Amino acid sequence: MNPYTDIADLIATLELEIQTLTNTIHTLKQEPKSFNEQVILKYIDTASTGKTKDYVRSLGVKSDKGSLFSSGEVSKLIKNGADDISPELLAIARDVVNMKKTKR
């Protein structure tokens, strides 16, 4: 919990956290609008670039270079984003990356 100055400040902080969580849930409930969003959702689901890479390969999708899709390409997609990925979804994926780094 964040520091607060009085009960009104605490309530305002908690209400903001609720709104943030509500927005995150809403974003995660949306159907992917592109293949890249599908990849990002799979990463959020598994928290693993390796499992996400395996998922993409199982769909028969190859990288832009025509080779098998790699974990590095998943990481690059999360880091650089793409025009067809919602900023909210990308932010969640980046939060997952940061959670994994903090966990170590």
PDB file of N, CA and C in Angstrom:
ATOM      1  N   MET A   1       0.849  -1.170   0.000  1.00  0.00           N
ATOM      2  CA  MET A   1       0.000   0.000   0.000  1.00  0.00           C
ATOM      3  C   MET A   1       0.895   1.234   0.000  1.00  0.00           C
ATOM      4  N   ASN A   2       0.450   2.247  -0.699  1.00  0.00           N
ATOM      5  CA  ASN A   2       1.215   3.490  -0.808  1.00  0.00           C
ATOM      6  C   ASN A   2       1.002   4.360   0.426  1.00  0.00           C
ATOM      7  N   PRO A   3       1.994   5.213   0.753  1.00  0.00           N
ATOM      8  CA  PRO A   3       1.822   6.141   1.870  1.00  0.00           C
ATOM      9  C   PRO A   3       0.676   7.117   1.587  1.00  0.00           C
ATOM     10  N   TYR A   4       0.027   7.551   2.636  1.00  0.00           N
ATOM     11  CA  TYR A   4      -1.083   8.498   2.487  1.00  0.00           C
ATOM     12  C   TYR A   4      -1.072   9.473   3.652  1.00  0.00           C
ATOM     13  N   THR A   5      -1.730  10.621   3.447  1.00  0.00           N
ATOM     14  CA  THR A   5      -1.715  11.670   4.467  1.00  0.00           C
ATOM     15  C   THR A   5      -2.924  11.609   5.385  1.00  0.00           C
ATOM     16  N   ASP A   6      -4.060  11.166   4.861  1.00  0.00           N
ATOM     17  CA  ASP A   6      -5.264  11.030   5.678  1.00  0.00           C
ATOM     18  C   ASP A   6      -6.195  10.015   5.019  1.00  0.00           C
ATOM     19  N   ILE A   7      -7.318   9.753   5.633  1.00  0.00           N
ATOM     20  CA  ILE A   7      -8.247   8.735   5.132  1.00  0.00           C
ATOM     21  C   ILE A   7      -8.778   9.076   3.740  1.00  0.00           C
ATOM     22  N   ALA A   8      -9.011  10.361   3.477  1.00  0.00           N
ATOM     23  CA  ALA A   8      -9.501  10.771   2.155  1.00  0.00           C
ATOM     24  C   ALA A   8      -8.452  10.466   1.082  1.00  0.00           C
ATOM     25  N   ASP A   9      -7.196  10.697   1.408  1.00  0.00           N
ATOM     26  CA  ASP A   9      -6.106  10.398   0.481  1.00  0.00           C
ATOM     27  C   ASP A   9      -6.013   8.890   0.232  1.00  0.00           C
ATOM     28  N   LEU A  10      -6.164   8.102   1.290  1.00  0.00           N
ATOM     29  CA  LEU A  10      -6.145   6.646   1.158  1.00  0.00           C
ATOM     30  C   LEU A  10      -7.285   6.169   0.263  1.00  0.00           C
ATOM     31  N   ILE A  11      -8.474   6.704   0.485  1.00  0.00           N
ATOM     32  CA  ILE A  11      -9.638   6.327  -0.325  1.00  0.00           C
ATOM     33  C   ILE A  11      -9.406   6.682  -1.789  1.00  0.00           C
ATOM     34  N   ALA A  12      -8.894   7.871  -2.045  1.00  0.00           N
ATOM     35  CA  ALA A  12      -8.628   8.293  -3.424  1.00  0.00           C
ATOM     36  C   ALA A  12      -7.608   7.366  -4.092  1.00  0.00           C
ATOM     37  N   THR A  13      -6.577   7.000  -3.350  1.00  0.00           N
ATOM     38  CA  THR A  13      -5.557   6.091  -3.880  1.00  0.00           C
ATOM     39  C   THR A  13      -6.155   4.724  -4.193  1.00  0.00           C
ATOM     40  N   LEU A  14      -6.959   4.205  -3.283  1.00  0.00           N
ATOM     41  CA  LEU A  14      -7.582   2.895  -3.496  1.00  0.00           C
ATOM     42  C   LEU A  14      -8.561   2.918  -4.665  1.00  0.00           C
ATOM     43  N   GLU A  15      -9.314   4.005  -4.794  1.00  0.00           N
ATOM     44  CA  GLU A  15     -10.246   4.124  -5.924  1.00  0.00           C
ATOM     45  C   GLU A  15      -9.496   4.155  -7.252  1.00  0.00           C
ATOM     46  N   LEU A  16      -8.354   4.817  -7.271  1.00  0.00           N
ATOM     47  CA  LEU A  16      -7.533   4.856  -8.482  1.00  0.00           C
ATOM     48  C   LEU A  16      -6.999   3.457  -8.816  1.00  0.00           C
ATOM     49  N   GLU A  17      -6.580   2.718  -7.792  1.00  0.00           N
ATOM     50  CA  GLU A  17      -6.103   1.349  -8.005  1.00  0.00           C
ATOM     51  C   GLU A  17      -7.222   0.462  -8.547  1.00  0.00           C
ATOM     52  N   ILE A  18      -8.431   0.629  -8.023  1.00  0.00           N
ATOM     53  CA  ILE A  18      -9.585  -0.138  -8.511  1.00  0.00           C
ATOM     54  C   ILE A  18      -9.839   0.174  -9.977  1.00  0.00           C
ATOM     55  N   GLN A  19      -9.797   1.445 -10.343  1.00  0.00           N
ATOM     56  CA  GLN A  19     -10.027   1.843 -11.734  1.00  0.00           C
ATOM     57  C   GLN A  19      -8.957   1.262 -12.654  1.00  0.00           C
ATOM     58  N   THR A  20      -7.714   1.288 -12.190  1.00  0.00           N
ATOM     59  CA  THR A  20      -6.614   0.726 -12.976  1.00  0.00           C
ATOM     60  C   THR A  20      -6.817  -0.770 -13.188  1.00  0.00           C
ATOM     61  N   LEU A  21      -7.180  -1.480 -12.125  1.00  0.00           N
ATOM     62  CA  LEU A  21      -7.428  -2.922 -12.243  1.00  0.00           C
ATOM     63  C   LEU A  21      -8.619  -3.216 -13.149  1.00  0.00           C
ATOM     64  N   THR A  22      -9.667  -2.413 -13.045  1.00  0.00           N
ATOM     65  CA  THR A  22     -10.843  -2.579 -13.900  1.00  0.00           C
ATOM     66  C   THR A  22     -10.467  -2.400 -15.366  1.00  0.00           C
ATOM     67  N   ASN A  23      -9.661  -1.395 -15.657  1.00  0.00           N
ATOM     68  CA  ASN A  23      -9.210  -1.160 -17.033  1.00  0.00           C
ATOM     69  C   ASN A  23      -8.351  -2.316 -17.545  1.00  0.00           C
ATOM     70  N   THR A  24      -7.479  -2.841 -16.680  1.00  0.00           N
ATOM     71  CA  THR A  24      -6.632  -3.971 -17.062  1.00  0.00           C
ATOM     72  C   THR A  24      -7.480  -5.196 -17.382  1.00  0.00           C
ATOM     73  N   ILE A  25      -8.451  -5.478 -16.534  1.00  0.00           N
ATOM     74  CA  ILE A  25      -9.348  -6.617 -16.763  1.00  0.00           C
ATOM     75  C   ILE A  25     -10.109  -6.440 -18.069  1.00  0.00           C
ATOM     76  N   HIS A  26     -10.611  -5.245 -18.310  1.00  0.00           N
ATOM     77  CA  HIS A  26     -11.343  -4.966 -19.553  1.00  0.00           C
ATOM     78  C   HIS A  26     -10.449  -5.224 -20.774  1.00  0.00           C
ATOM     79  N   THR A  27      -9.214  -4.771 -20.710  1.00  0.00           N
ATOM     80  CA  THR A  27      -8.270  -4.975 -21.815  1.00  0.00           C
ATOM     81  C   THR A  27      -8.025  -6.458 -22.054  1.00  0.00           C
ATOM     82  N   LEU A  28      -7.832  -7.218 -20.980  1.00  0.00           N
ATOM     83  CA  LEU A  28      -7.546  -8.646 -21.115  1.00  0.00           C
ATOM     84  C   LEU A  28      -8.742  -9.447 -21.622  1.00  0.00           C
ATOM     85  N   LYS A  29      -9.945  -8.945 -21.417  1.00  0.00           N
ATOM     86  CA  LYS A  29     -11.151  -9.641 -21.882  1.00  0.00           C
ATOM     87  C   LYS A  29     -11.433  -9.424 -23.367  1.00  0.00           C
ATOM     88  N   GLN A  30     -10.770  -8.444 -23.971  1.00  0.00           N
ATOM     89  CA  GLN A  30     -11.009  -8.141 -25.382  1.00  0.00           C
ATOM     90  C   GLN A  30     -10.429  -9.241 -26.272  1.00  0.00           C
ATOM     91  N   GLU A  31     -11.143  -9.538 -27.351  1.00  0.00           N
ATOM     92  CA  GLU A  31     -10.625 -10.472 -28.350  1.00  0.00           C
ATOM     93  C   GLU A  31      -9.472  -9.791 -29.087  1.00  0.00           C
ATOM     94  N   PRO A  32      -8.424 -10.552 -29.427  1.00  0.00           N
ATOM     95  CA  PRO A  32      -7.324  -9.941 -30.177  1.00  0.00           C
ATOM     96  C   PRO A  32      -7.804  -9.441 -31.535  1.00  0.00           C
ATOM     97  N   LYS A  33      -7.340  -8.256 -31.903  1.00  0.00           N
ATOM     98  CA  LYS A  33      -7.750  -7.640 -33.169  1.00  0.00           C
ATOM     99  C   LYS A  33      -6.729  -7.890 -34.277  1.00  0.00           C
ATOM    100  N   SER A  34      -5.603  -8.503 -33.938  1.00  0.00           N
ATOM    101  CA  SER A  34      -4.564  -8.787 -34.925  1.00  0.00           C
ATOM    102  C   SER A  34      -3.770 -10.003 -34.458  1.00  0.00           C
ATOM    103  N   PHE A  35      -2.969 -10.531 -35.356  1.00  0.00           N
ATOM    104  CA  PHE A  35      -2.118 -11.661 -34.985  1.00  0.00           C
ATOM    105  C   PHE A  35      -1.122 -11.245 -33.907  1.00  0.00           C
ATOM    106  N   ASN A  36      -0.561 -10.046 -34.023  1.00  0.00           N
ATOM    107  CA  ASN A  36       0.393  -9.578 -33.014  1.00  0.00           C
ATOM    108  C   ASN A  36      -0.255  -9.483 -31.637  1.00  0.00           C
ATOM    109  N   GLU A  37      -1.508  -9.044 -31.575  1.00  0.00           N
ATOM    110  CA  GLU A  37      -2.206  -9.006 -30.281  1.00  0.00           C
ATOM    111  C   GLU A  37      -2.403 -10.423 -29.749  1.00  0.00           C
ATOM    112  N   GLN A  38      -2.655 -11.367 -30.642  1.00  0.00           N
ATOM    113  CA  GLN A  38      -2.804 -12.767 -30.240  1.00  0.00           C
ATOM    114  C   GLN A  38      -1.495 -13.270 -29.611  1.00  0.00           C
ATOM    115  N   VAL A  39      -0.374 -12.910 -30.205  1.00  0.00           N
ATOM    116  CA  VAL A  39       0.936 -13.295 -29.679  1.00  0.00           C
ATOM    117  C   VAL A  39       1.162 -12.656 -28.308  1.00  0.00           C
ATOM    118  N   ILE A  40       0.852 -11.380 -28.183  1.00  0.00           N
ATOM    119  CA  ILE A  40       1.040 -10.672 -26.910  1.00  0.00           C
ATOM    120  C   ILE A  40       0.156 -11.280 -25.820  1.00  0.00           C
ATOM    121  N   LEU A  41      -1.087 -11.594 -26.148  1.00  0.00           N
ATOM    122  CA  LEU A  41      -1.981 -12.223 -25.167  1.00  0.00           C
ATOM    123  C   LEU A  41      -1.438 -13.580 -24.724  1.00  0.00           C
ATOM    124  N   LYS A  42      -0.880 -14.340 -25.650  1.00  0.00           N
ATOM    125  CA  LYS A  42      -0.297 -15.638 -25.296  1.00  0.00           C
ATOM    126  C   LYS A  42       0.880 -15.433 -24.362  1.00  0.00           C
ATOM    127  N   TYR A  43       1.695 -14.408 -24.625  1.00  0.00           N
ATOM    128  CA  TYR A  43       2.814 -14.122 -23.728  1.00  0.00           C
ATOM    129  C   TYR A  43       2.298 -13.763 -22.335  1.00  0.00           C
ATOM    130  N   ILE A  44       1.279 -12.922 -22.259  1.00  0.00           N
ATOM    131  CA  ILE A  44       0.714 -12.542 -20.961  1.00  0.00           C
ATOM    132  C   ILE A  44       0.184 -13.785 -20.248  1.00  0.00           C
ATOM    133  N   ASP A  45      -0.452 -14.677 -21.005  1.00  0.00           N
ATOM    134  CA  ASP A  45      -1.017 -15.908 -20.451  1.00  0.00           C
ATOM    135  C   ASP A  45       0.068 -16.818 -19.877  1.00  0.00           C
ATOM    136  N   THR A  46       1.177 -16.973 -20.597  1.00  0.00           N
ATOM    137  CA  THR A  46       2.208 -17.924 -20.186  1.00  0.00           C
ATOM    138  C   THR A  46       3.374 -17.285 -19.440  1.00  0.00           C
ATOM    139  N   ALA A  47       3.555 -15.979 -19.606  1.00  0.00           N
ATOM    140  CA  ALA A  47       4.702 -15.255 -19.033  1.00  0.00           C
ATOM    141  C   ALA A  47       6.015 -15.885 -19.488  1.00  0.00           C
ATOM    142  N   SER A  48       6.010 -16.433 -20.708  1.00  0.00           N
ATOM    143  CA  SER A  48       7.189 -17.123 -21.217  1.00  0.00           C
ATOM    144  C   SER A  48       7.345 -16.866 -22.713  1.00  0.00           C
ATOM    145  N   THR A  49       8.495 -16.316 -23.096  1.00  0.00           N
ATOM    146  CA  THR A  49       8.734 -16.120 -24.526  1.00  0.00           C
ATOM    147  C   THR A  49       8.898 -17.464 -25.228  1.00  0.00           C
ATOM    148  N   GLY A  50       9.461 -18.446 -24.532  1.00  0.00           N
ATOM    149  CA  GLY A  50       9.640 -19.772 -25.117  1.00  0.00           C
ATOM    150  C   GLY A  50       8.313 -20.453 -25.417  1.00  0.00           C
ATOM    151  N   LYS A  51       7.395 -20.418 -24.459  1.00  0.00           N
ATOM    152  CA  LYS A  51       6.075 -21.024 -24.676  1.00  0.00           C
ATOM    153  C   LYS A  51       5.294 -20.262 -25.742  1.00  0.00           C
ATOM    154  N   THR A  52       5.471 -18.954 -25.774  1.00  0.00           N
ATOM    155  CA  THR A  52       4.795 -18.151 -26.797  1.00  0.00           C
ATOM    156  C   THR A  52       5.349 -18.485 -28.174  1.00  0.00           C
ATOM    157  N   LYS A  53       6.659 -18.622 -28.264  1.00  0.00           N
ATOM    158  CA  LYS A  53       7.302 -19.015 -29.524  1.00  0.00           C
ATOM    159  C   LYS A  53       6.763 -20.362 -29.990  1.00  0.00           C
ATOM    160  N   ASP A  54       6.656 -21.327 -29.073  1.00  0.00           N
ATOM    161  CA  ASP A  54       6.128 -22.651 -29.423  1.00  0.00           C
ATOM    162  C   ASP A  54       4.698 -22.553 -29.933  1.00  0.00           C
ATOM    163  N   TYR A  55       3.904 -21.699 -29.300  1.00  0.00           N
ATOM    164  CA  TYR A  55       2.515 -21.490 -29.723  1.00  0.00           C
ATOM    165  C   TYR A  55       2.467 -20.950 -31.153  1.00  0.00           C
ATOM    166  N   VAL A  56       3.281 -19.936 -31.435  1.00  0.00           N
ATOM    167  CA  VAL A  56       3.296 -19.338 -32.776  1.00  0.00           C
ATOM    168  C   VAL A  56       3.749 -20.373 -33.805  1.00  0.00           C
ATOM    169  N   ARG A  57       4.766 -21.144 -33.457  1.00  0.00           N
ATOM    170  CA  ARG A  57       5.237 -22.187 -34.377  1.00  0.00           C
ATOM    171  C   ARG A  57       4.152 -23.230 -34.628  1.00  0.00           C
ATOM    172  N   SER A  58       3.375 -23.561 -33.580  1.00  0.00           N
ATOM    173  CA  SER A  58       2.311 -24.564 -33.742  1.00  0.00           C
ATOM    174  C   SER A  58       1.235 -24.095 -34.716  1.00  0.00           C
ATOM    175  N   LEU A  59       1.139 -22.792 -34.893  1.00  0.00           N
ATOM    176  CA  LEU A  59       0.184 -22.234 -35.854  1.00  0.00           C
ATOM    177  C   LEU A  59       0.755 -22.224 -37.272  1.00  0.00           C
ATOM    178  N   GLY A  60       2.038 -22.591 -37.386  1.00  0.00           N
ATOM    179  CA  GLY A  60       2.681 -22.622 -38.696  1.00  0.00           C
ATOM    180  C   GLY A  60       3.148 -21.270 -39.191  1.00  0.00           C
ATOM    181  N   VAL A  61       3.199 -20.298 -38.298  1.00  0.00           N
ATOM    182  CA  VAL A  61       3.605 -18.941 -38.685  1.00  0.00           C
ATOM    183  C   VAL A  61       5.123 -18.840 -38.621  1.00  0.00           C
ATOM    184  N   LYS A  62       5.699 -18.230 -39.629  1.00  0.00           N
ATOM    185  CA  LYS A  62       7.146 -18.016 -39.664  1.00  0.00           C
ATOM    186  C   LYS A  62       7.436 -16.535 -39.435  1.00  0.00           C
ATOM    187  N   SER A  63       8.690 -16.255 -39.153  1.00  0.00           N
ATOM    188  CA  SER A  63       9.104 -14.868 -38.919  1.00  0.00           C
ATOM    189  C   SER A  63       9.104 -14.096 -40.233  1.00  0.00           C
ATOM    190  N   ASP A  64       9.323 -12.799 -40.131  1.00  0.00           N
ATOM    191  CA  ASP A  64       9.401 -11.948 -41.324  1.00  0.00           C
ATOM    192  C   ASP A  64      10.511 -12.409 -42.273  1.00  0.00           C
ATOM    193  N   LYS A  65      11.539 -13.031 -41.697  1.00  0.00           N
ATOM    194  CA  LYS A  65      12.675 -13.494 -42.503  1.00  0.00           C
ATOM    195  C   LYS A  65      12.397 -14.849 -43.158  1.00  0.00           C
ATOM    196  N   GLY A  66      11.250 -15.446 -42.847  1.00  0.00           N
ATOM    197  CA  GLY A  66      10.906 -16.740 -43.421  1.00  0.00           C
ATOM    198  C   GLY A  66      11.399 -17.918 -42.607  1.00  0.00           C
ATOM    199  N   SER A  67      12.074 -17.652 -41.494  1.00  0.00           N
ATOM    200  CA  SER A  67      12.562 -18.733 -40.636  1.00  0.00           C
ATOM    201  C   SER A  67      11.550 -18.995 -39.522  1.00  0.00           C
ATOM    202  N   LEU A  68      11.836 -20.006 -38.707  1.00  0.00           N
ATOM    203  CA  LEU A  68      10.948 -20.306 -37.591  1.00  0.00           C
ATOM    204  C   LEU A  68      10.925 -19.134 -36.614  1.00  0.00           C
ATOM    205  N   PHE A  69       9.769 -18.877 -36.044  1.00  0.00           N
ATOM    206  CA  PHE A  69       9.576 -17.796 -35.085  1.00  0.00           C
ATOM    207  C   PHE A  69      10.422 -18.094 -33.851  1.00  0.00           C
ATOM    208  N   SER A  70      11.097 -17.090 -33.288  1.00  0.00           N
ATOM    209  CA  SER A  70      11.989 -17.303 -32.144  1.00  0.00           C
ATOM    210  C   SER A  70      11.517 -16.547 -30.904  1.00  0.00           C
ATOM    211  N   SER A  71      12.066 -16.959 -29.765  1.00  0.00           N
ATOM    212  CA  SER A  71      11.784 -16.263 -28.506  1.00  0.00           C
ATOM    213  C   SER A  71      12.227 -14.808 -28.583  1.00  0.00           C
ATOM    214  N   GLY A  72      13.341 -14.578 -29.263  1.00  0.00           N
ATOM    215  CA  GLY A  72      13.851 -13.215 -29.420  1.00  0.00           C
ATOM    216  C   GLY A  72      12.874 -12.318 -30.155  1.00  0.00           C
ATOM    217  N   GLU A  73      12.145 -12.899 -31.108  1.00  0.00           N
ATOM    218  CA  GLU A  73      11.156 -12.102 -31.839  1.00  0.00           C
ATOM    219  C   GLU A  73       9.966 -11.750 -30.951  1.00  0.00           C
ATOM    220  N   VAL A  74       9.630 -12.634 -30.016  1.00  0.00           N
ATOM    221  CA  VAL A  74       8.575 -12.322 -29.050  1.00  0.00           C
ATOM    222  C   VAL A  74       9.040 -11.161 -28.173  1.00  0.00           C
ATOM    223  N   SER A  75      10.272 -11.257 -27.672  1.00  0.00           N
ATOM    224  CA  SER A  75      10.828 -10.181 -26.835  1.00  0.00           C
ATOM    225  C   SER A  75      10.872  -8.860 -27.587  1.00  0.00           C
ATOM    226  N   LYS A  76      11.282  -8.922 -28.851  1.00  0.00           N
ATOM    227  CA  LYS A  76      11.367  -7.713 -29.675  1.00  0.00           C
ATOM    228  C   LYS A  76       9.984  -7.096 -29.884  1.00  0.00           C
ATOM    229  N   LEU A  77       8.985  -7.940 -30.094  1.00  0.00           N
ATOM    230  CA  LEU A  77       7.619  -7.452 -30.278  1.00  0.00           C
ATOM    231  C   LEU A  77       7.128  -6.736 -29.018  1.00  0.00           C
ATOM    232  N   ILE A  78       7.454  -7.297 -27.857  1.00  0.00           N
ATOM    233  CA  ILE A  78       7.054  -6.670 -26.593  1.00  0.00           C
ATOM    234  C   ILE A  78       7.813  -5.356 -26.395  1.00  0.00           C
ATOM    235  N   LYS A  79       9.100  -5.375 -26.671  1.00  0.00           N
ATOM    236  CA  LYS A  79       9.928  -4.180 -26.463  1.00  0.00           C
ATOM    237  C   LYS A  79       9.565  -3.053 -27.429  1.00  0.00           C
ATOM    238  N   ASN A  80       9.460  -3.378 -28.714  1.00  0.00           N
ATOM    239  CA  ASN A  80       9.249  -2.350 -29.737  1.00  0.00           C
ATOM    240  C   ASN A  80       7.785  -2.084 -30.049  1.00  0.00           C
ATOM    241  N   GLY A  81       6.916  -3.038 -29.727  1.00  0.00           N
ATOM    242  CA  GLY A  81       5.504  -2.883 -30.055  1.00  0.00           C
ATOM    243  C   GLY A  81       5.273  -2.994 -31.549  1.00  0.00           C
ATOM    244  N   ALA A  82       4.050  -2.695 -31.954  1.00  0.00           N
ATOM    245  CA  ALA A  82       3.661  -2.701 -33.365  1.00  0.00           C
ATOM    246  C   ALA A  82       2.400  -1.864 -33.497  1.00  0.00           C
ATOM    247  N   ASP A  83       2.167  -1.369 -34.694  1.00  0.00           N
ATOM    248  CA  ASP A  83       1.002  -0.506 -34.929  1.00  0.00           C
ATOM    249  C   ASP A  83      -0.324  -1.202 -34.649  1.00  0.00           C
ATOM    250  N   ASP A  84      -0.340  -2.534 -34.766  1.00  0.00           N
ATOM    251  CA  ASP A  84      -1.598  -3.260 -34.595  1.00  0.00           C
ATOM    252  C   ASP A  84      -1.769  -3.880 -33.205  1.00  0.00           C
ATOM    253  N   ILE A  85      -1.015  -3.364 -32.220  1.00  0.00           N
ATOM    254  CA  ILE A  85      -1.158  -3.809 -30.829  1.00  0.00           C
ATOM    255  C   ILE A  85      -1.634  -2.620 -30.006  1.00  0.00           C
ATOM    256  N   SER A  86      -2.694  -2.824 -29.236  1.00  0.00           N
ATOM    257  CA  SER A  86      -3.198  -1.718 -28.417  1.00  0.00           C
ATOM    258  C   SER A  86      -2.147  -1.338 -27.369  1.00  0.00           C
ATOM    259  N   PRO A  87      -1.992  -0.049 -27.102  1.00  0.00           N
ATOM    260  CA  PRO A  87      -1.014   0.402 -26.105  1.00  0.00           C
ATOM    261  C   PRO A  87      -1.286  -0.193 -24.720  1.00  0.00           C
ATOM    262  N   GLU A  88      -2.561  -0.385 -24.393  1.00  0.00           N
ATOM    263  CA  GLU A  88      -2.920  -0.946 -23.086  1.00  0.00           C
ATOM    264  C   GLU A  88      -2.428  -2.391 -22.966  1.00  0.00           C
ATOM    265  N   LEU A  89      -2.627  -3.169 -24.022  1.00  0.00           N
ATOM    266  CA  LEU A  89      -2.200  -4.568 -24.013  1.00  0.00           C
ATOM    267  C   LEU A  89      -0.676  -4.663 -23.950  1.00  0.00           C
ATOM    268  N   LEU A  90      -0.013  -3.811 -24.684  1.00  0.00           N
ATOM    269  CA  LEU A  90       1.447  -3.784 -24.674  1.00  0.00           C
ATOM    270  C   LEU A  90       1.971  -3.412 -23.284  1.00  0.00           C
ATOM    271  N   ALA A  91       1.309  -2.485 -22.623  1.00  0.00           N
ATOM    272  CA  ALA A  91       1.718  -2.081 -21.268  1.00  0.00           C
ATOM    273  C   ALA A  91       1.600  -3.253 -20.296  1.00  0.00           C
ATOM    274  N   ILE A  92       0.544  -4.051 -20.440  1.00  0.00           N
ATOM    275  CA  ILE A  92       0.369  -5.219 -19.571  1.00  0.00           C
ATOM    276  C   ILE A  92       1.498  -6.215 -19.820  1.00  0.00           C
ATOM    277  N   ALA A  93       1.821  -6.470 -21.088  1.00  0.00           N
ATOM    278  CA  ALA A  93       2.911  -7.401 -21.418  1.00  0.00           C
ATOM    279  C   ALA A  93       4.229  -6.909 -20.830  1.00  0.00           C
ATOM    280  N   ARG A  94       4.471  -5.619 -20.915  1.00  0.00           N
ATOM    281  CA  ARG A  94       5.713  -5.058 -20.357  1.00  0.00           C
ATOM    282  C   ARG A  94       5.719  -5.168 -18.835  1.00  0.00           C
ATOM    283  N   ASP A  95       4.550  -5.039 -18.210  1.00  0.00           N
ATOM    284  CA  ASP A  95       4.455  -5.245 -16.762  1.00  0.00           C
ATOM    285  C   ASP A  95       4.819  -6.683 -16.400  1.00  0.00           C
ATOM    286  N   VAL A  96       4.376  -7.640 -17.225  1.00  0.00           N
ATOM    287  CA  VAL A  96       4.710  -9.049 -16.989  1.00  0.00           C
ATOM    288  C   VAL A  96       6.226  -9.235 -17.077  1.00  0.00           C
ATOM    289  N   VAL A  97       6.851  -8.632 -18.077  1.00  0.00           N
ATOM    290  CA  VAL A  97       8.313  -8.707 -18.208  1.00  0.00           C
ATOM    291  C   VAL A  97       8.965  -8.162 -16.941  1.00  0.00           C
ATOM    292  N   ASN A  98       8.506  -7.008 -16.467  1.00  0.00           N
ATOM    293  CA  ASN A  98       9.086  -6.398 -15.268  1.00  0.00           C
ATOM    294  C   ASN A  98       8.836  -7.241 -14.027  1.00  0.00           C
ATOM    295  N   MET A  99       7.661  -7.869 -13.930  1.00  0.00           N
ATOM    296  CA  MET A  99       7.378  -8.750 -12.789  1.00  0.00           C
ATOM    297  C   MET A  99       8.359  -9.916 -12.771  1.00  0.00           C
ATOM    298  N   LYS A 100       8.634 -10.464 -13.945  1.00  0.00           N
ATOM    299  CA  LYS A 100       9.570 -11.587 -14.027  1.00  0.00           C
ATOM    300  C   LYS A 100      10.975 -11.154 -13.637  1.00  0.00           C
ATOM    301  N   LYS A 101      11.385  -9.949 -14.035  1.00  0.00           N
ATOM    302  CA  LYS A 101      12.717  -9.451 -13.687  1.00  0.00           C
ATOM    303  C   LYS A 101      12.823  -9.220 -12.186  1.00  0.00           C
ATOM    304  N   THR A 102      11.762  -8.690 -11.589  1.00  0.00           N
ATOM    305  CA  THR A 102      11.749  -8.407 -10.153  1.00  0.00           C
ATOM    306  C   THR A 102      11.769  -9.700  -9.344  1.00  0.00           C
ATOM    307  N   LYS A 103      11.126 -10.731  -9.870  1.00  0.00           N
ATOM    308  CA  LYS A 103      11.015 -12.017  -9.182  1.00  0.00           C
ATOM    309  C   LYS A 103      12.373 -12.690  -9.016  1.00  0.00           C
ATOM    310  N   ARG A 104      13.281 -12.445  -9.939  1.00  0.00           N
ATOM    311  CA  ARG A 104      14.595 -13.115  -9.916  1.00  0.00           C
ATOM    312  C   ARG A 104      15.405 -12.728  -8.751  1.00  0.00           C
TER     313      ARG A 104
END
